[in-house]
Amino acid sequence: MSDPTQALSVDAETLAVLRCPLTRSPLRREGDFLIAEIGGLRYPIRDGFPVLLVEEATLPPGIASLGEFKKKYSDLIAR
């Protein structure tokens, strides 16, 4: 049985299938975040679990709101 206090981690196999829920672009890991290839939304990893909720994502520098992000990347966001 595994140690319940050990933090879970996003492995390479899981990361290969995860996508940004907004842009549908692949994600890469940087520290405690998964970063979307398109647009650079930063999704937190909490207690070893990726939180892939757009509302929880950190916006990239220079973008003040989710609405502004959607407008800027509208041609790249899957519908």
Protein backbone atom coordinates (compact mmCIF):
# COMPACT_ATOMS: atom_id res chain seq x y z
CA MET A 1 0.00 0.00 0.00
CA SER A 2 1.34 3.46 -0.84
CA ASP A 3 2.08 6.15 1.71
CA PRO A 4 -1.05 8.40 1.94
CA THR A 5 1.09 11.40 2.95
CA GLN A 6 3.11 11.22 -0.27
CA ALA A 7 2.02 13.92 -2.72
CA LEU A 8 0.69 12.66 -6.01
CA SER A 9 2.33 13.87 -9.17
CA VAL A 10 1.33 14.43 -12.78
CA ASP A 11 3.30 11.80 -14.69
CA ALA A 12 4.48 12.11 -18.29
CA GLU A 13 1.81 9.74 -19.61
CA THR A 14 -1.00 11.74 -18.01
CA LEU A 15 0.51 15.04 -19.11
CA ALA A 16 0.61 13.80 -22.71
CA VAL A 17 -3.19 13.53 -22.82
CA LEU A 18 -4.14 16.63 -20.81
CA ARG A 19 -5.21 19.76 -22.70
CA CYS A 20 -6.11 23.32 -21.79
CA PRO A 21 -9.90 23.32 -21.38
CA LEU A 22 -10.16 26.68 -23.18
CA THR A 23 -7.68 26.52 -26.06
CA ARG A 24 -7.44 22.72 -26.28
CA SER A 25 -3.66 23.12 -26.60
CA PRO A 26 -1.12 20.78 -25.00
CA LEU A 27 0.19 21.58 -21.53
CA ARG A 28 3.74 21.56 -20.18
CA ARG A 29 4.76 21.41 -16.56
CA GLU A 30 6.67 24.24 -14.90
CA GLY A 31 6.99 23.79 -11.16
CA ASP A 32 3.54 23.69 -9.59
CA PHE A 33 1.76 24.75 -12.78
CA LEU A 34 0.68 23.33 -16.11
CA ILE A 35 1.15 25.94 -18.84
CA ALA A 36 -0.99 25.98 -22.00
CA GLU A 37 0.98 26.02 -25.25
CA ILE A 38 -1.45 28.53 -26.76
CA GLY A 39 -1.91 31.67 -24.71
CA GLY A 40 0.11 30.63 -21.68
CA LEU A 41 -2.70 30.13 -19.16
CA ARG A 42 -1.16 28.69 -15.98
CA TYR A 43 -3.18 25.96 -14.25
CA PRO A 44 -2.17 25.14 -10.66
CA ILE A 45 -1.25 21.69 -9.42
CA ARG A 46 -2.60 21.32 -5.89
CA ASP A 47 -1.74 18.33 -3.73
CA GLY A 48 -0.50 16.56 -6.86
CA PHE A 49 -3.70 17.12 -8.84
CA PRO A 50 -3.98 19.51 -11.81
CA VAL A 51 -6.80 22.02 -11.42
CA LEU A 52 -7.94 22.48 -15.01
CA LEU A 53 -10.61 25.08 -14.38
CA VAL A 54 -10.32 28.22 -16.48
CA GLU A 55 -11.50 30.26 -13.51
CA GLU A 56 -8.54 28.97 -11.46
CA ALA A 57 -5.92 29.67 -14.16
CA THR A 58 -3.43 32.50 -13.84
CA LEU A 59 -3.54 34.83 -16.83
CA PRO A 60 -0.36 35.51 -18.80
CA PRO A 61 1.44 38.85 -18.31
CA GLY A 62 -0.24 41.75 -20.09
CA ILE A 63 -3.72 40.19 -19.97
CA ALA A 64 -6.02 41.80 -17.41
CA SER A 65 -9.10 39.58 -17.65
CA LEU A 66 -10.38 36.29 -19.01
CA GLY A 67 -12.56 38.25 -21.43
CA GLU A 68 -9.49 40.03 -22.77
CA PHE A 69 -7.72 36.69 -23.13
CA LYS A 70 -10.63 35.18 -25.06
CA LYS A 71 -10.76 38.19 -27.37
CA LYS A 72 -7.01 38.12 -28.04
CA TYR A 73 -6.96 34.38 -28.78
CA SER A 74 -10.46 34.04 -30.28
CA ASP A 75 -9.13 32.70 -33.57
CA LEU A 76 -7.22 29.93 -31.71
CA ILE A 77 -9.92 28.90 -29.22
CA ALA A 78 -11.83 25.79 -30.28
CA ARG A 79 -15.59 26.20 -30.35
